[in-house]
């Protein structure tokens, strides 16, 4: 039963990571790291597929080995935060336009303090 729950959670995290490629405030790689974690406990073949993935495998391995985020990844995350803030300031009414600013301040500071890989 536990393996099935991990497998379902892995696919859900994989789906959210896929959405993260399209939506600027939703992250991609953290969900793929979570998917790899879940697949490690439910389906080794899917875990190995993620670890060998040409675009995301390197980031997952960096996180597992050193808790590191690449400089390019950090810059991409902060750029996505900036786009989200600009869109919210233009399209969202006050005080909802402040939510991406808070998310960027909290998430961006955490991302920037991680080791670089």
N, C-alpha and C. Protein backbone atom coordinates (compact mmCIF):
# COMPACT_ATOMS: atom_id res chain seq x y z
N UNK A 1 0.82 -1.20 0.00
CA UNK A 1 0.00 0.00 0.00
C UNK A 1 0.86 1.26 0.00
N UNK A 2 1.94 1.26 0.78
CA UNK A 2 2.81 2.43 0.86
C UNK A 2 3.46 2.71 -0.48
N UNK A 3 3.88 1.65 -1.20
CA UNK A 3 4.51 1.84 -2.51
C UNK A 3 3.54 2.50 -3.49
N UNK A 4 2.29 2.12 -3.41
CA UNK A 4 1.29 2.70 -4.31
C UNK A 4 1.11 4.19 -4.01
N UNK A 5 1.08 4.55 -2.72
CA UNK A 5 0.94 5.96 -2.36
C UNK A 5 2.15 6.77 -2.82
N UNK A 6 3.35 6.21 -2.65
CA UNK A 6 4.55 6.90 -3.15
C UNK A 6 4.52 7.03 -4.66
N UNK A 7 4.04 6.02 -5.36
CA UNK A 7 3.95 6.07 -6.81
C UNK A 7 2.97 7.15 -7.25
N UNK A 8 1.82 7.22 -6.61
CA UNK A 8 0.83 8.25 -6.92
C UNK A 8 1.40 9.64 -6.63
N UNK A 9 2.05 9.79 -5.48
CA UNK A 9 2.67 11.07 -5.14
C UNK A 9 3.76 11.44 -6.13
N UNK A 10 4.53 10.46 -6.59
CA UNK A 10 5.56 10.71 -7.59
C UNK A 10 4.99 11.23 -8.89
N UNK A 11 3.92 10.59 -9.36
CA UNK A 11 3.29 11.06 -10.59
C UNK A 11 2.65 12.43 -10.41
N UNK A 12 2.08 12.70 -9.24
CA UNK A 12 1.51 14.03 -8.97
C UNK A 12 2.61 15.09 -8.98
N UNK A 13 3.74 14.79 -8.34
CA UNK A 13 4.86 15.74 -8.34
C UNK A 13 5.41 15.93 -9.75
N UNK A 14 5.46 14.86 -10.53
CA UNK A 14 5.91 14.96 -11.91
C UNK A 14 4.98 15.85 -12.72
N UNK A 15 3.67 15.70 -12.51
CA UNK A 15 2.69 16.55 -13.21
C UNK A 15 2.84 18.01 -12.81
N UNK A 16 3.04 18.26 -11.51
CA UNK A 16 3.22 19.65 -11.06
C UNK A 16 4.51 20.24 -11.61
N UNK A 17 5.55 19.41 -11.70
CA UNK A 17 6.79 19.87 -12.33
C UNK A 17 6.58 20.23 -13.78
N UNK A 18 5.77 19.44 -14.48
CA UNK A 18 5.44 19.76 -15.87
C UNK A 18 4.69 21.07 -15.98
N UNK A 19 3.75 21.30 -15.08
CA UNK A 19 3.04 22.59 -15.07
C UNK A 19 4.00 23.74 -14.75
N UNK A 20 4.99 23.45 -13.93
CA UNK A 20 5.97 24.48 -13.57
C UNK A 20 6.76 24.98 -14.76
N UNK A 21 6.85 24.18 -15.82
CA UNK A 21 7.52 24.65 -17.03
C UNK A 21 6.71 25.73 -17.75
N UNK A 22 5.41 25.75 -17.47
CA UNK A 22 4.53 26.69 -18.15
C UNK A 22 4.15 27.90 -17.29
N UNK A 23 4.06 27.71 -16.00
CA UNK A 23 3.61 28.76 -15.09
C UNK A 23 4.81 29.36 -14.35
N UNK A 24 4.98 30.67 -14.42
CA UNK A 24 6.21 31.27 -13.88
C UNK A 24 6.42 31.14 -12.38
N UNK A 25 5.38 31.12 -11.57
CA UNK A 25 5.58 31.07 -10.12
C UNK A 25 5.67 29.65 -9.59
N UNK A 26 5.29 28.66 -10.40
CA UNK A 26 5.33 27.26 -9.98
C UNK A 26 6.68 26.67 -10.36
N UNK A 27 7.44 26.17 -9.39
CA UNK A 27 8.77 25.65 -9.72
C UNK A 27 8.71 24.31 -10.42
N UNK A 28 9.76 23.99 -11.17
CA UNK A 28 9.84 22.72 -11.88
C UNK A 28 10.73 21.73 -11.14
N UNK A 29 11.98 22.08 -10.96
CA UNK A 29 12.97 21.14 -10.42
C UNK A 29 12.62 20.66 -9.01
N UNK A 30 12.14 21.52 -8.09
CA UNK A 30 11.78 20.98 -6.76
C UNK A 30 10.72 19.88 -6.83
N UNK A 31 9.77 20.01 -7.74
CA UNK A 31 8.77 18.96 -7.88
C UNK A 31 9.39 17.70 -8.49
N UNK A 32 10.36 17.86 -9.38
CA UNK A 32 11.03 16.69 -9.94
C UNK A 32 11.92 16.01 -8.91
N UNK A 33 12.51 16.79 -8.02
CA UNK A 33 13.28 16.21 -6.91
C UNK A 33 12.34 15.41 -6.00
N UNK A 34 11.17 15.97 -5.73
CA UNK A 34 10.17 15.25 -4.93
C UNK A 34 9.71 13.99 -5.65
N UNK A 35 9.52 14.07 -6.96
CA UNK A 35 9.11 12.90 -7.72
C UNK A 35 10.19 11.82 -7.64
N UNK A 36 11.46 12.21 -7.76
CA UNK A 36 12.56 11.23 -7.66
C UNK A 36 12.57 10.58 -6.27
N UNK A 37 12.32 11.37 -5.24
CA UNK A 37 12.24 10.84 -3.87
C UNK A 37 11.13 9.79 -3.78
N UNK A 38 9.96 10.12 -4.30
CA UNK A 38 8.83 9.19 -4.24
C UNK A 38 9.08 7.94 -5.08
N UNK A 39 9.65 8.12 -6.27
CA UNK A 39 9.93 6.98 -7.13
C UNK A 39 11.02 6.09 -6.54
N UNK A 40 11.95 6.67 -5.77
CA UNK A 40 12.99 5.85 -5.12
C UNK A 40 12.37 4.87 -4.14
N UNK A 41 11.20 5.20 -3.63
CA UNK A 41 10.52 4.35 -2.67
C UNK A 41 9.42 3.50 -3.28
N UNK A 42 9.18 3.68 -4.60
CA UNK A 42 8.09 2.94 -5.21
C UNK A 42 8.45 2.26 -6.53
N UNK A 43 9.29 2.90 -7.34
CA UNK A 43 9.58 2.35 -8.67
C UNK A 43 10.98 2.79 -9.09
N UNK A 44 11.95 1.90 -8.93
CA UNK A 44 13.35 2.23 -9.22
C UNK A 44 13.57 2.60 -10.68
N UNK A 45 12.80 2.02 -11.59
CA UNK A 45 12.97 2.33 -13.01
C UNK A 45 12.61 3.79 -13.29
N UNK A 46 11.53 4.28 -12.69
CA UNK A 46 11.15 5.69 -12.87
C UNK A 46 12.17 6.62 -12.21
N UNK A 47 12.68 6.21 -11.06
CA UNK A 47 13.72 7.02 -10.41
C UNK A 47 14.95 7.12 -11.32
N UNK A 48 15.38 6.00 -11.88
CA UNK A 48 16.54 6.00 -12.76
C UNK A 48 16.28 6.82 -14.03
N UNK A 49 15.05 6.78 -14.52
CA UNK A 49 14.69 7.59 -15.69
C UNK A 49 14.86 9.08 -15.38
N UNK A 50 14.40 9.50 -14.20
CA UNK A 50 14.57 10.91 -13.82
C UNK A 50 16.04 11.26 -13.62
N UNK A 51 16.80 10.38 -12.96
CA UNK A 51 18.21 10.66 -12.73
C UNK A 51 19.01 10.71 -14.03
N UNK A 52 18.58 9.99 -15.04
CA UNK A 52 19.28 9.97 -16.32
C UNK A 52 18.73 11.00 -17.30
N UNK A 53 17.70 11.72 -16.92
CA UNK A 53 17.08 12.69 -17.83
C UNK A 53 18.11 13.76 -18.21
N UNK A 54 18.24 14.08 -19.50
CA UNK A 54 19.28 15.02 -19.93
C UNK A 54 19.09 16.45 -19.40
N UNK A 55 17.87 16.87 -19.17
CA UNK A 55 17.64 18.25 -18.71
C UNK A 55 17.58 18.36 -17.19
N UNK A 56 17.03 17.37 -16.52
CA UNK A 56 16.77 17.50 -15.08
C UNK A 56 17.60 16.59 -14.19
N UNK A 57 18.17 15.54 -14.74
CA UNK A 57 18.92 14.58 -13.93
C UNK A 57 20.07 15.20 -13.16
N UNK A 58 20.79 16.10 -13.83
CA UNK A 58 21.93 16.77 -13.18
C UNK A 58 21.48 17.54 -11.94
N UNK A 59 20.38 18.26 -12.06
CA UNK A 59 19.88 19.07 -10.94
C UNK A 59 19.44 18.19 -9.78
N UNK A 60 18.81 17.09 -10.08
CA UNK A 60 18.36 16.17 -9.04
C UNK A 60 19.56 15.58 -8.31
N UNK A 61 20.57 15.16 -9.07
CA UNK A 61 21.76 14.57 -8.45
C UNK A 61 22.51 15.61 -7.61
N UNK A 62 22.62 16.85 -8.10
CA UNK A 62 23.27 17.92 -7.33
C UNK A 62 22.57 18.12 -5.99
N UNK A 63 21.25 18.14 -6.02
CA UNK A 63 20.49 18.35 -4.79
C UNK A 63 20.68 17.18 -3.83
N UNK A 64 20.64 15.97 -4.34
CA UNK A 64 20.81 14.79 -3.48
C UNK A 64 22.19 14.74 -2.86
N UNK A 65 23.21 15.07 -3.63
CA UNK A 65 24.58 14.93 -3.15
C UNK A 65 25.01 16.06 -2.22
N UNK A 66 24.62 17.29 -2.55
CA UNK A 66 25.15 18.43 -1.78
C UNK A 66 24.10 19.46 -1.37
N UNK A 67 22.84 19.24 -1.70
CA UNK A 67 21.83 20.25 -1.42
C UNK A 67 22.08 21.51 -2.22
N UNK A 68 22.66 21.34 -3.42
CA UNK A 68 23.11 22.48 -4.21
C UNK A 68 22.15 22.78 -5.36
N UNK A 69 22.15 24.05 -5.75
CA UNK A 69 21.40 24.54 -6.90
C UNK A 69 22.40 25.26 -7.80
N UNK A 70 22.33 25.00 -9.09
CA UNK A 70 23.27 25.65 -10.01
C UNK A 70 23.02 27.16 -10.05
N UNK A 71 24.05 27.90 -10.39
CA UNK A 71 23.90 29.36 -10.49
C UNK A 71 22.85 29.70 -11.54
N UNK A 72 22.88 28.96 -12.65
CA UNK A 72 21.90 29.20 -13.72
C UNK A 72 20.48 28.93 -13.21
N UNK A 73 20.33 27.88 -12.40
CA UNK A 73 19.04 27.58 -11.81
C UNK A 73 18.56 28.67 -10.87
N UNK A 74 19.49 29.19 -10.09
CA UNK A 74 19.14 30.29 -9.19
C UNK A 74 18.70 31.51 -9.98
N UNK A 75 19.45 31.83 -11.03
CA UNK A 75 19.11 33.00 -11.85
C UNK A 75 17.76 32.81 -12.53
N UNK A 76 17.49 31.59 -13.01
CA UNK A 76 16.20 31.32 -13.65
C UNK A 76 15.05 31.46 -12.66
N UNK A 77 15.25 30.97 -11.45
CA UNK A 77 14.21 31.08 -10.43
C UNK A 77 13.93 32.54 -10.09
N UNK A 78 14.99 33.31 -9.93
CA UNK A 78 14.80 34.73 -9.59
C UNK A 78 14.19 35.50 -10.75
N UNK A 79 14.52 35.12 -11.99
CA UNK A 79 13.89 35.76 -13.15
C UNK A 79 12.40 35.43 -13.19
N UNK A 80 12.05 34.19 -12.88
CA UNK A 80 10.64 33.80 -12.85
C UNK A 80 9.90 34.57 -11.76
N UNK A 81 10.55 34.76 -10.62
CA UNK A 81 9.93 35.59 -9.57
C UNK A 81 9.70 37.01 -10.07
N UNK A 82 10.66 37.58 -10.79
CA UNK A 82 10.52 38.94 -11.30
C UNK A 82 9.37 39.04 -12.28
N UNK A 83 9.23 38.07 -13.17
CA UNK A 83 8.11 38.06 -14.13
C UNK A 83 6.78 37.96 -13.38
N UNK A 84 6.73 37.12 -12.37
CA UNK A 84 5.49 36.97 -11.59
C UNK A 84 5.13 38.25 -10.86
N UNK A 85 6.12 38.91 -10.31
CA UNK A 85 5.87 40.18 -9.62
C UNK A 85 5.35 41.22 -10.60
N UNK A 86 6.00 41.33 -11.75
CA UNK A 86 5.57 42.32 -12.75
C UNK A 86 4.14 42.03 -13.21
N UNK A 87 3.83 40.78 -13.48
CA UNK A 87 2.48 40.42 -13.92
C UNK A 87 1.45 40.72 -12.83
N UNK A 88 1.79 40.43 -11.59
CA UNK A 88 0.85 40.69 -10.50
C UNK A 88 0.62 42.18 -10.31
N UNK A 89 1.68 42.97 -10.43
CA UNK A 89 1.52 44.41 -10.27
C UNK A 89 0.65 45.01 -11.37
N UNK A 90 0.71 44.41 -12.55
CA UNK A 90 -0.09 44.91 -13.67
C UNK A 90 -1.53 44.40 -13.62
N UNK A 91 -1.72 43.12 -13.31
CA UNK A 91 -3.03 42.50 -13.48
C UNK A 91 -3.81 42.24 -12.19
N UNK A 92 -3.15 42.12 -11.07
CA UNK A 92 -3.86 41.75 -9.83
C UNK A 92 -4.20 43.00 -9.01
N UNK A 93 -5.36 43.00 -8.38
CA UNK A 93 -5.71 44.13 -7.53
C UNK A 93 -4.95 44.08 -6.21
N UNK A 94 -4.77 45.24 -5.61
CA UNK A 94 -4.15 45.33 -4.30
C UNK A 94 -5.11 44.70 -3.30
N UNK A 95 -4.73 43.94 -2.35
CA UNK A 95 -3.42 43.56 -1.86
C UNK A 95 -2.88 42.28 -2.48
N UNK A 96 -3.65 41.63 -3.39
CA UNK A 96 -3.21 40.36 -3.99
C UNK A 96 -1.94 40.53 -4.81
N UNK A 97 -1.69 41.71 -5.29
CA UNK A 97 -0.48 41.95 -6.08
C UNK A 97 0.78 41.84 -5.22
N UNK A 98 0.62 41.88 -3.91
CA UNK A 98 1.78 41.77 -3.01
C UNK A 98 2.19 40.32 -2.74
N UNK A 99 1.34 39.36 -3.05
CA UNK A 99 1.66 37.95 -2.77
C UNK A 99 2.92 37.47 -3.48
N UNK A 100 3.10 37.76 -4.78
CA UNK A 100 4.34 37.33 -5.42
C UNK A 100 5.58 38.02 -4.85
N UNK A 101 5.43 39.20 -4.35
CA UNK A 101 6.57 39.89 -3.73
C UNK A 101 6.98 39.15 -2.46
N UNK A 102 6.00 38.76 -1.67
CA UNK A 102 6.30 38.00 -0.45
C UNK A 102 6.92 36.65 -0.80
N UNK A 103 6.35 35.97 -1.80
CA UNK A 103 6.89 34.66 -2.21
C UNK A 103 8.32 34.81 -2.72
N UNK A 104 8.58 35.86 -3.47
CA UNK A 104 9.94 36.09 -4.00
C UNK A 104 10.91 36.40 -2.87
N UNK A 105 10.47 37.18 -1.90
CA UNK A 105 11.36 37.52 -0.79
C UNK A 105 11.72 36.28 0.03
N UNK A 106 10.72 35.45 0.30
CA UNK A 106 10.97 34.25 1.10
C UNK A 106 11.68 33.18 0.27
N UNK A 107 11.08 32.82 -0.85
CA UNK A 107 11.65 31.76 -1.68
C UNK A 107 12.98 32.15 -2.30
N UNK A 108 13.07 33.38 -2.78
CA UNK A 108 14.31 33.83 -3.41
C UNK A 108 15.48 33.88 -2.46
N UNK A 109 15.23 34.33 -1.23
CA UNK A 109 16.34 34.37 -0.27
C UNK A 109 16.79 32.95 0.11
N UNK A 110 15.84 32.02 0.21
CA UNK A 110 16.21 30.64 0.51
C UNK A 110 17.00 30.04 -0.64
N UNK A 111 16.53 30.25 -1.86
CA UNK A 111 17.22 29.71 -3.04
C UNK A 111 18.63 30.26 -3.13
N UNK A 112 18.78 31.56 -2.94
CA UNK A 112 20.10 32.17 -3.10
C UNK A 112 21.10 31.73 -2.04
N UNK A 113 20.62 31.26 -0.88
CA UNK A 113 21.55 30.83 0.18
C UNK A 113 21.96 29.35 0.06
N UNK A 114 21.38 28.62 -0.90
CA UNK A 114 21.79 27.22 -1.09
C UNK A 114 23.17 27.19 -1.74
N UNK A 115 23.94 26.13 -1.47
CA UNK A 115 25.24 26.00 -2.13
C UNK A 115 25.09 25.92 -3.65
N UNK A 116 26.13 26.36 -4.34
CA UNK A 116 26.08 26.31 -5.80
C UNK A 116 26.72 25.03 -6.32
N UNK A 117 26.11 24.49 -7.36
CA UNK A 117 26.64 23.26 -7.95
C UNK A 117 27.13 23.46 -9.35
